[in-house]
Protein backbone atom coordinates (compact mmCIF):
# COMPACT_ATOMS: atom_id res chain seq x y z
CA UNK A 1 92.67 96.68 82.20
CA UNK A 2 93.18 99.72 80.88
CA UNK A 3 96.37 101.79 82.19
CA UNK A 4 94.67 104.57 84.49
CA UNK A 5 96.37 107.77 83.64
CA UNK A 6 98.92 109.66 85.56
CA UNK A 7 98.87 110.94 89.16
CA UNK A 8 94.68 110.37 88.89
CA UNK A 9 95.15 107.64 92.05
CA UNK A 10 96.29 109.62 95.49
CA UNK A 11 98.40 107.68 97.91
CA UNK A 12 98.12 108.56 101.80
CA UNK A 13 101.85 108.16 103.78
CA UNK A 14 101.48 108.77 107.66
CA UNK A 15 104.36 108.66 109.36
CA UNK A 16 105.68 111.20 112.08
CA UNK A 17 109.29 111.38 110.77
CA UNK A 18 109.33 113.79 108.15
CA UNK A 19 112.56 112.33 106.67
CA UNK A 20 110.56 109.39 105.93
CA UNK A 21 107.72 111.28 104.32
CA UNK A 22 110.12 113.05 102.34
CA UNK A 23 111.64 109.63 101.02
CA UNK A 24 108.38 107.97 100.05
CA UNK A 25 106.78 110.85 98.10
CA UNK A 26 109.80 111.31 96.04
CA UNK A 27 109.40 107.69 95.28
CA UNK A 28 105.82 107.93 93.96
CA UNK A 29 105.09 111.36 93.34
CA UNK A 30 106.01 111.63 89.68
CA UNK A 31 103.41 108.99 89.16
CA UNK A 32 100.53 109.73 92.01
CA UNK A 33 98.90 112.22 94.01
CA UNK A 34 100.38 112.09 97.78
CA UNK A 35 98.80 113.24 100.41
CA UNK A 36 100.94 113.02 104.16
CA UNK A 37 99.88 112.89 107.92
CA UNK A 38 102.03 112.79 110.75
CA UNK A 39 99.86 111.31 113.16
CA UNK A 40 97.08 108.93 113.11
CA UNK A 41 94.27 110.96 114.44
CA UNK A 42 95.08 113.56 111.50
CA UNK A 43 95.21 110.26 108.99
CA UNK A 44 91.89 109.20 109.74
CA UNK A 45 90.13 112.53 109.56
CA UNK A 46 91.46 112.41 105.82
CA UNK A 47 90.80 109.02 104.90
CA UNK A 48 87.17 109.29 105.52
CA UNK A 49 87.13 113.02 104.26
CA UNK A 50 88.89 112.13 100.75
CA UNK A 51 89.22 108.15 100.80
CA UNK A 52 92.59 107.43 99.11
CA UNK A 53 93.24 104.74 96.91
CA UNK A 54 95.87 103.21 99.07
CA UNK A 55 97.63 104.39 101.94
CA UNK A 56 102.08 103.57 103.55
CA UNK A 57 101.45 103.72 107.16
CA UNK A 58 104.23 104.12 109.28
CA UNK A 59 104.08 101.63 112.76
CA UNK A 60 105.76 103.05 115.57
CA UNK A 61 104.12 106.30 116.33
CA UNK A 62 103.17 108.32 119.39
CA UNK A 63 99.71 108.49 120.43
CA UNK A 64 97.97 105.98 117.86
CA UNK A 65 100.63 103.60 116.90
CA UNK A 66 100.17 102.05 113.02
CA UNK A 67 98.60 99.24 114.34
CA UNK A 68 95.63 100.75 116.11
CA UNK A 69 95.20 103.27 113.11
CA UNK A 70 95.11 100.49 110.56
CA UNK A 71 91.97 98.82 112.96
CA UNK A 72 90.00 102.13 112.95
CA UNK A 73 90.05 102.24 109.01
CA UNK A 74 88.95 98.61 108.42
CA UNK A 75 86.18 99.10 111.05
CA UNK A 76 85.03 102.46 109.16
CA UNK A 77 82.75 101.26 106.13
CA UNK A 78 84.19 104.47 104.27
CA UNK A 79 87.95 103.71 104.44
CA UNK A 80 87.65 99.45 104.87
CA UNK A 81 88.63 98.90 101.45
CA UNK A 82 91.60 101.13 101.17
CA UNK A 83 94.68 98.63 101.16
CA UNK A 84 96.81 99.66 103.58
CA UNK A 85 101.15 98.71 103.55
CA UNK A 86 102.79 98.77 106.87
CA UNK A 87 106.32 101.02 106.11
CA UNK A 88 108.39 99.79 109.04
CA UNK A 89 111.94 98.67 110.40
CA UNK A 90 110.89 95.62 113.12
CA UNK A 91 111.73 92.90 111.42
CA UNK A 92 109.77 90.26 114.54
CA UNK A 93 107.57 87.63 112.72
CA UNK A 94 105.51 88.39 115.54
CA UNK A 95 104.81 92.12 114.39
CA UNK A 96 104.02 91.06 110.85
CA UNK A 97 101.27 88.17 112.14
CA UNK A 98 99.88 91.13 114.37
CA UNK A 99 99.84 93.31 111.11
CA UNK A 100 97.76 91.05 109.01
CA UNK A 101 95.44 90.69 111.92
CA UNK A 102 94.51 94.11 112.10
CA UNK A 103 93.87 93.66 108.28
CA UNK A 104 97.14 95.45 106.55
CA UNK A 105 97.39 93.86 102.91
CA UNK A 106 101.36 94.11 102.39
CA UNK A 107 104.86 94.87 104.38
CA UNK A 108 107.86 97.25 103.04
CA UNK A 109 110.92 97.29 105.45
CA UNK A 110 113.00 100.39 106.40
CA UNK A 111 115.22 101.37 104.48
CA UNK A 112 113.43 101.10 101.84
CA UNK A 113 114.07 100.44 97.93
CA UNK A 114 112.34 102.31 95.39
CA UNK A 115 111.56 99.76 92.47
CA UNK A 116 110.11 97.58 95.71
CA UNK A 117 107.75 100.46 96.99
CA UNK A 118 106.88 100.95 93.12
CA UNK A 119 106.47 97.30 92.35
CA UNK A 120 104.13 96.43 95.36
CA UNK A 121 102.40 100.16 95.15
CA UNK A 122 100.97 99.32 91.12
CA UNK A 123 100.47 95.50 92.23
CA UNK A 124 98.39 96.30 95.21
CA UNK A 125 96.11 98.80 93.17
CA UNK A 126 96.06 96.47 90.35
CA UNK A 127 94.37 94.16 92.89
CA UNK A 128 92.00 96.46 94.30
CA UNK A 129 91.16 97.78 90.78
CA UNK A 130 89.76 94.01 90.44
CA UNK A 131 88.16 93.51 93.98
CA UNK A 132 86.36 96.55 92.75
CA UNK A 133 85.30 95.37 89.53
CA UNK A 134 83.98 92.17 91.05
CA UNK A 135 82.21 93.91 94.07
CA UNK A 136 80.27 96.23 91.26
CA UNK A 137 79.70 93.21 89.29
CA UNK A 138 78.18 90.90 92.05
CA UNK A 139 76.16 93.46 92.80
CA UNK A 140 74.80 94.72 89.18
CA UNK A 141 74.12 90.97 88.58
CA UNK A 142 72.14 91.16 92.33
CA UNK A 143 69.92 93.93 90.57
CA UNK A 144 69.29 91.53 87.72
CA UNK A 145 68.08 88.53 89.74
CA UNK A 146 65.52 91.20 91.73
CA UNK A 147 64.74 92.55 88.06
CA UNK A 148 63.98 89.28 87.12
CA UNK A 149 62.10 87.97 89.27
CA UNK A 150 59.70 91.01 88.93
CA UNK A 151 59.12 90.89 85.41
CA UNK A 152 58.25 87.07 86.22
CA UNK A 153 55.78 88.16 88.64
CA UNK A 154 54.20 90.86 86.29
CA UNK A 155 53.44 88.13 84.05
CA UNK A 156 52.51 85.19 85.89
CA UNK A 157 49.58 88.13 87.06
CA UNK A 158 48.62 88.03 83.34
CA UNK A 159 48.15 84.85 83.08
CA UNK A 160 46.57 83.81 85.96
CA UNK A 161 42.89 82.94 85.12
CA UNK A 162 39.86 84.77 87.64
CA UNK A 163 39.48 81.44 88.63
CA UNK A 164 42.58 81.29 90.43
CA UNK A 165 42.61 84.68 92.31
CA UNK A 166 38.97 83.55 94.06
CA UNK A 167 38.94 83.73 97.61
CA UNK A 168 39.25 79.70 97.79
CA UNK A 169 42.27 79.94 96.79
CA UNK A 170 43.44 82.73 98.22
CA UNK A 171 45.39 80.90 100.77
CA UNK A 172 47.20 79.02 98.20
CA UNK A 173 48.38 82.15 96.02
CA UNK A 174 49.18 84.15 99.37
CA UNK A 175 51.72 81.03 100.54
CA UNK A 176 53.67 81.57 96.78
CA UNK A 177 53.73 84.52 97.17
CA UNK A 178 54.76 85.00 100.56
CA UNK A 179 57.53 82.32 99.77
CA UNK A 180 58.75 84.10 96.67
CA UNK A 181 59.06 87.11 98.69
CA UNK A 182 61.09 85.29 100.69
CA UNK A 183 63.45 83.51 98.03
CA UNK A 184 63.42 87.42 96.42
CA UNK A 185 65.46 88.82 99.67
CA UNK A 186 67.92 85.79 99.47
CA UNK A 187 68.98 88.03 95.93
CA UNK A 188 70.41 84.67 94.70
CA UNK A 189 70.33 81.59 91.96
CA UNK A 190 68.14 79.89 94.37
CA UNK A 191 65.69 82.36 94.57
CA UNK A 192 64.82 83.24 90.63
CA UNK A 193 65.46 79.17 89.97
CA UNK A 194 62.52 78.48 92.66
CA UNK A 195 60.23 81.05 90.98
CA UNK A 196 61.16 80.19 87.68
CA UNK A 197 60.20 76.79 88.20
CA UNK A 198 57.00 77.83 89.97
CA UNK A 199 55.66 79.88 86.83
CA UNK A 200 56.46 77.17 84.63
CA UNK A 201 54.75 74.51 86.09
CA UNK A 202 51.80 76.54 86.82
CA UNK A 203 51.69 77.60 82.86
CA UNK A 204 52.17 74.19 81.79
CA UNK A 205 49.07 73.28 83.84
CA UNK A 206 46.71 76.21 83.09
CA UNK A 207 47.44 74.78 79.50
CA UNK A 208 46.02 71.02 80.20
CA UNK A 209 43.28 72.92 82.10
CA UNK A 210 43.76 71.64 85.51
CA UNK A 211 41.71 73.05 88.02
CA UNK A 212 42.88 76.57 89.78
CA UNK A 213 43.26 74.50 93.14
CA UNK A 214 45.57 72.14 91.69
CA UNK A 215 47.64 74.84 89.42
CA UNK A 216 47.93 76.61 92.79
CA UNK A 217 48.82 73.50 94.26
CA UNK A 218 51.61 72.73 91.18
CA UNK A 219 53.22 76.65 91.68
CA UNK A 220 53.82 76.01 95.51
CA UNK A 221 55.76 72.67 94.74
CA UNK A 222 57.61 74.76 91.42
CA UNK A 223 58.65 77.11 94.22
CA UNK A 224 59.61 74.88 96.92
CA UNK A 225 60.86 71.43 94.20
CA UNK A 226 64.42 72.39 95.46
CA UNK A 227 63.91 73.48 99.39
CA UNK A 228 65.98 70.29 100.82
CA UNK A 229 68.68 71.86 99.09
CA UNK A 230 69.16 74.36 101.40
CA UNK A 231 69.86 72.16 104.06
CA UNK A 232 72.73 70.69 101.74
CA UNK A 233 76.35 70.96 101.49
CA UNK A 234 76.94 74.10 99.65
CA UNK A 235 79.72 73.34 97.40
CA UNK A 236 78.10 70.23 95.64
CA UNK A 237 75.04 72.56 94.66
CA UNK A 238 77.22 73.89 92.03
CA UNK A 239 78.38 70.61 90.64
CA UNK A 240 77.30 68.91 87.64
CA UNK A 241 76.56 65.35 89.11
CA UNK A 242 79.00 63.36 87.54
CA UNK A 243 81.52 65.71 89.23
CA UNK A 244 80.20 64.43 92.39
CA UNK A 245 82.16 62.90 95.01
CA UNK A 246 80.22 59.62 96.06
CA UNK A 247 79.01 61.42 99.24
CA UNK A 248 78.22 64.67 97.30
CA UNK A 249 75.98 62.22 95.23
CA UNK A 250 74.32 60.46 98.35
CA UNK A 251 73.95 63.87 99.84
CA UNK A 252 72.28 64.99 96.81
CA UNK A 253 70.11 62.46 96.31
CA UNK A 254 68.67 62.77 99.54
CA UNK A 255 67.21 66.48 98.65
CA UNK A 256 63.75 65.62 97.79
CA UNK A 257 63.17 63.50 100.91
CA UNK A 258 64.23 66.56 102.94
CA UNK A 259 61.84 68.75 101.40
CA UNK A 260 58.86 66.32 101.97
CA UNK A 261 59.49 66.22 105.15
CA UNK A 262 58.05 70.15 105.40
CA UNK A 263 54.54 68.45 104.73
CA UNK A 264 54.47 65.79 106.76
CA UNK A 265 52.18 67.37 109.50
CA UNK A 266 50.33 69.51 106.42
CA UNK A 267 47.48 66.88 105.77
CA UNK A 268 46.23 69.10 102.88
CA UNK A 269 49.68 69.50 101.46
CA UNK A 270 50.42 66.40 101.25
CA UNK A 271 50.23 65.83 97.53
CA UNK A 272 52.85 68.87 97.30
CA UNK A 273 54.91 66.89 99.58
CA UNK A 274 54.90 64.16 96.72
CA UNK A 275 55.63 66.21 93.51
CA UNK A 276 58.36 67.63 95.76
CA UNK A 277 59.22 64.02 96.32
CA UNK A 278 59.21 62.62 93.25
CA UNK A 279 60.82 65.44 90.85
CA UNK A 280 63.73 63.85 90.11
CA UNK A 281 62.15 60.87 89.39
CA UNK A 282 62.81 59.61 86.04
CA UNK A 283 59.89 58.74 83.02
CA UNK A 284 62.65 55.65 82.43
CA UNK A 285 62.80 54.65 85.72
CA UNK A 286 66.37 55.50 86.31
CA UNK A 287 65.51 58.69 89.01
CA UNK A 288 65.79 59.03 91.83
CA UNK A 289 64.68 58.94 95.49
CA UNK A 290 62.34 55.71 94.31
CA UNK A 291 62.89 54.70 90.84
CA UNK A 292 59.20 55.29 89.78
CA UNK A 293 58.58 54.41 86.29
CA UNK A 294 56.22 56.71 83.77
CA UNK A 295 52.70 57.12 85.19
CA UNK A 296 53.55 55.47 88.77
CA UNK A 297 55.19 59.12 89.26
CA UNK A 298 52.31 61.81 90.05
CA UNK A 299 51.25 63.77 87.55
CA UNK A 300 52.53 66.76 89.63
CA UNK A 301 56.09 65.87 89.62
CA UNK A 302 55.83 64.85 86.18
CA UNK A 303 55.31 68.70 85.50
CA UNK A 304 57.75 70.57 88.16
CA UNK A 305 60.40 68.01 86.48
CA UNK A 306 59.89 69.17 83.34
CA UNK A 307 60.02 72.85 84.79
CA UNK A 308 63.26 72.06 86.30
CA UNK A 309 64.73 70.85 83.39
CA UNK A 310 63.68 73.87 81.25
CA UNK A 311 64.88 76.10 83.56
CA UNK A 312 68.48 74.63 83.95
CA UNK A 313 68.67 73.97 80.14
CA UNK A 314 67.31 77.84 79.82
CA UNK A 315 69.74 79.30 81.96
CA UNK A 316 73.19 77.01 80.80
CA UNK A 317 72.96 78.87 76.92
CA UNK A 318 73.92 82.46 76.05
CA UNK A 319 71.38 82.87 73.65
CA UNK A 320 67.99 80.90 72.23
CA UNK A 321 67.41 80.11 75.40
CA UNK A 322 63.57 79.04 75.08
CA UNK A 323 64.06 77.07 71.71
CA UNK A 324 67.08 75.60 73.12
CA UNK A 325 65.25 74.46 76.14
CA UNK A 326 62.02 72.86 74.38
CA UNK A 327 64.41 71.16 72.14
CA UNK A 328 66.82 69.87 74.89
CA UNK A 329 63.62 68.48 76.28
CA UNK A 330 62.06 67.38 73.80
CA UNK A 331 65.16 64.98 73.56
CA UNK A 332 64.73 63.55 76.88
CA UNK A 333 61.15 62.73 76.38
CA UNK A 334 60.31 58.79 76.82
CA UNK A 335 63.89 58.97 79.16
CA UNK A 336 63.83 61.56 81.90
CA UNK A 337 60.77 63.34 81.36
CA UNK A 338 57.05 62.98 79.79
CA UNK A 339 56.92 63.15 76.80
CA UNK A 340 53.28 63.81 76.15
CA UNK A 341 53.29 66.66 78.73
CA UNK A 342 56.36 68.76 76.76
CA UNK A 343 54.21 70.65 74.56
CA UNK A 344 52.04 72.16 77.48
CA UNK A 345 55.13 74.19 78.18
CA UNK A 346 55.68 75.65 74.88
CA UNK A 347 53.92 79.00 75.65
CA UNK A 348 55.28 79.86 78.97
CA UNK A 349 58.64 78.93 78.25
CA UNK A 350 58.22 81.07 75.14
CA UNK A 351 56.81 83.97 77.56
CA UNK A 352 59.35 83.60 79.88
CA UNK A 353 62.16 83.40 78.50
CA UNK A 354 61.70 85.12 75.26
CA UNK A 355 59.34 88.22 76.37
CA UNK A 356 56.49 86.46 74.13
CA UNK A 357 58.95 87.37 70.67
CA UNK A 358 59.05 84.41 68.51
CA UNK A 359 62.54 83.00 67.44
CA UNK A 360 64.19 81.95 64.70
CA UNK A 361 63.82 79.14 62.78
CA UNK A 362 66.88 77.80 63.37
CA UNK A 363 69.99 79.18 65.40
CA UNK A 364 73.05 78.18 67.30
CA UNK A 365 73.78 77.61 70.85
CA UNK A 366 77.28 76.85 73.15
CA UNK A 367 76.98 74.07 74.72
CA UNK A 368 78.94 73.22 77.92
CA UNK A 369 80.33 69.44 77.22
CA UNK A 370 78.19 68.39 80.51
CA UNK A 371 74.53 69.61 79.54
CA UNK A 372 75.52 67.95 76.16
CA UNK A 373 72.92 64.86 75.38
CA UNK A 374 72.36 62.63 72.26
CA UNK A 375 70.41 63.77 69.05
CA UNK A 376 71.82 67.26 69.43
CA UNK A 377 73.30 68.14 66.11
CA UNK A 378 76.68 70.14 65.61
CA UNK A 379 76.47 73.71 64.22
CA UNK A 380 80.04 74.09 63.45
CA UNK A 381 83.56 72.05 63.41
CA UNK A 382 84.73 70.93 66.85
CA UNK A 383 88.53 71.50 66.97
CA UNK A 384 90.97 70.22 69.74
CA UNK A 385 93.36 73.56 71.43
CA UNK A 386 95.69 71.55 68.53
CA UNK A 387 93.83 72.52 65.78
CA UNK A 388 92.64 68.96 65.14
CA UNK A 389 89.17 68.39 63.85
CA UNK A 390 87.19 66.36 66.20
CA UNK A 391 83.53 66.20 65.00
CA UNK A 392 82.07 67.48 62.25
CA UNK A 393 78.84 70.41 61.63
CA UNK A 394 76.23 68.27 61.13
CA UNK A 395 76.84 65.37 63.03
CA UNK A 396 74.45 63.79 65.43
CA UNK A 397 76.07 63.50 68.76
CA UNK A 398 75.85 59.88 70.00
CA UNK A 399 77.24 58.69 73.53
CA UNK A 400 80.47 57.85 71.98
CA UNK A 401 80.90 61.26 70.53
CA UNK A 402 80.06 62.97 73.65
CA UNK A 403 82.10 60.80 75.49
CA UNK A 404 84.88 61.88 73.43
CA UNK A 405 84.10 65.88 73.57
CA UNK A 406 83.68 65.40 77.48
CA UNK A 407 86.91 63.60 77.33
CA UNK A 408 88.92 66.13 75.69
CA UNK A 409 86.90 68.69 78.04
CA UNK A 410 88.36 67.47 81.02
CA UNK A 411 91.96 67.41 80.46
CA UNK A 412 91.37 71.07 78.74
CA UNK A 413 91.96 70.28 75.00
CA UNK A 414 89.10 71.47 73.07
CA UNK A 415 89.61 74.81 71.18
CA UNK A 416 86.66 76.24 72.52
CA UNK A 417 84.93 75.84 76.04
CA UNK A 418 81.37 73.90 74.56
CA UNK A 419 80.24 72.63 71.38
CA UNK A 420 78.37 74.74 69.22
CA UNK A 421 74.88 73.02 68.39
CA UNK A 422 71.84 73.55 65.82
CA UNK A 423 68.46 74.71 67.87
CA UNK A 424 65.30 73.81 65.69
CA UNK A 425 62.28 75.59 66.65
CA UNK A 426 59.14 73.43 66.81
CA UNK A 427 55.83 75.06 66.73
CA UNK A 428 52.96 73.38 68.12
């Protein structure tokens, strides 16, 4: 973080004793702009009109004491984020507890020590800067997610056929748009993921020339494929399966069943419920919840599974997202995914993740160790943090190599956070 120029920060000192104000002002005036108030009412007026960066607040004051002032500050949207440091001669532990309960960030005891005051003020201003940056980042993230949803909606409208917009399918299309709107209001990763999976599955279904009704049902299944996760424990959603506890894994494996429950009373959408139930089945029979194999898995579920896989893979890397996701899906063909269906996703994947632009023939991306699979090829030498060569450029990863990388990653012994993997484009 860059150093802040002197006197660009304002400290508000609130104390009814002029000598105490003069003492704190003398300690801080060289580095900060100082404002003062001798009562709680005056302090609240100043803080609301021109919010300071930090407040030093005496507890023992007439009319409004420090606790009341702090409570009022924290209740006001304009002032609630301002750090408040109590400056007091009170030493009772109960007083300190009460101060933190009303929102104080810290305590300074009288008689104050200049070096301690300066250090505490700098520390809390730095903490506020970090919190402000995080809040701004989160705000920008929400804006980006919402913009992604709007972009996907525009592209979807352009790709939809006239048949899909026909009156007899209006109910399905309206259901998808209504649920998309609900997820969009959530302003989080779940809403974006659901929309992308829906459009990937629908786009592939169009490539296969499925009926407009089947396309609409696939879009609905894609949108609701992980709805069973909403009732699960949040912590498990953010983890890789390999890192889940036994109870978290059991809970995670139940989410397709919870998702299907939504459709139990809707006979017209029973096949959509089956797609939701089976979207984690694997082509080789090692999936869940029923261990189905090959064409035992409903076609719609196999398509949603590929869409789900592509969305996750594309968003696990920073660049070459479409080509990396398609390459990884091909490597999983015959294992987790139906290899005959993957090419139907090529166009829609590039549209959603590359805005229709053609990728370069060969690129490279950093891949997290938990995302590595057999068949991937290293684009660069892989070193440990002690600068020892672990694997060489152009090595093709097998189970032993992946296990070695993950072992070093768990022990925080890799020079980088992931491995550089070659991305090969296959035209279709």
